[in-house]
C-alpha cells in the first residue's frame, strides 16, 4: 500500500497518517522497529530515496515489513525524486506514505505516484468556508459542540491553518475541561489572534455606521496591540466589498449571487454581516470618498505624517463620526 497526501490541511493529513499507521501495523503501531518517520528537510540524511527503498525491503524484529512515512516530501531533492519515480515504476509492494504540501501534476514523481499509489488531496478551506469547516470538524474531533459565533471568531482570528485551529481548541479545553460547549466568550478569553486582524469585529459597527460602537471597538483594538495600518487595511477591504455590493445591487443582482461572485460565505456576508443593507446605508458616493480617505490614511501612517496613537485614532474615528 502506497499513499500520497497532497495539500495544506495539516490537521486532516495528520489524522490520515495515524490511520495509515494503524491500518498498516495494527497492534505494532507503537513499535519503533516497525516504522520509520522520515523528514525530507533533514539535512543529516544524504538521500531520502535510498533510505525509503532500503527500508521498504527490510524486515523488523516483530513485523514482516516496515511502514515508512516521508513528511515534508515537497522538499525532496531532484535526484531523490528521480530515484523514487524510477523505483515506483516497478510497482513495489510496501507500506509507504508521502506527505506533500504541494506536488505539481506535471512532475515525473507525480506521474509515477499516480500509477503506483493512492493520491489523496487535502486542500485547506477557503477563508470564507473556514467557519463552516470548524463547525463541522471540531465537535466530532473534540466531542464538544461549538457555537457558530465561536467558529466565526476562530476563523477570523486564526485564518485557514487547520492544525493551528485545532491546537488552540485543545488549549481551550485544557483550560476549561468541564465546559459543556465551546462558546464565543471562552474562545475570546483564550485565543490570541494570529491573523493581522479580527476583521469582522471592527467591520460590523463600521458597516452599520454605529459611531458609538465603532469608536469603542476601535479604542479596544488599539489598546490590545492591533496597529492602525492593520485596521486601515481591513476597513479598506470591507469598504471595497460594500462598494462592489452596491454596484451589483444596482445592476439587479441578488445578495446570494453577489456573495458568490465576491467569494464570500452567503450567511456570514449577507445574513450576519448584512452587506446589502450596509451598502445601501453608506451609498456609493460616500463609499468612494471613504476608500480614497483610507488610501491616504495608509500612506500618512506609513510615512510618519500620522504617527501618534491619538492622531491615528481620531483619523479612523472620523470615517464614521461625522
Foldseek 3Di string as FASTA:
>chain_A
DEEEEEAQQVVVVVVVVLVLLCVVPPVCSVPPQQEEEAEQPPPVDPAPLVCVVVQQPDQGPPGRGHAYEYEQCVSHDPVNLVSQLVVLQVLDDGHYYYYYNDDDCPDSSNVSCVVNHHYHYDYFDALQCQLVVCQVPVCVVVVAHEDSLLSLQLSLQEPRRNVVSNVQVVVLCVVPVPDRHHYNVSSVVRDGRPDLDSQVCLLQCVLVLVLVSNLVVLVVCVVVPRDLLSNLVSVLVLLVLLLQLLVVVVVVDDQVVSCVVVVHDSCVVCVVSVSNVSSVVQDNVLSVVLNVLSVVLSVCCVVVVQPDPVSSSVSVSVSRVD
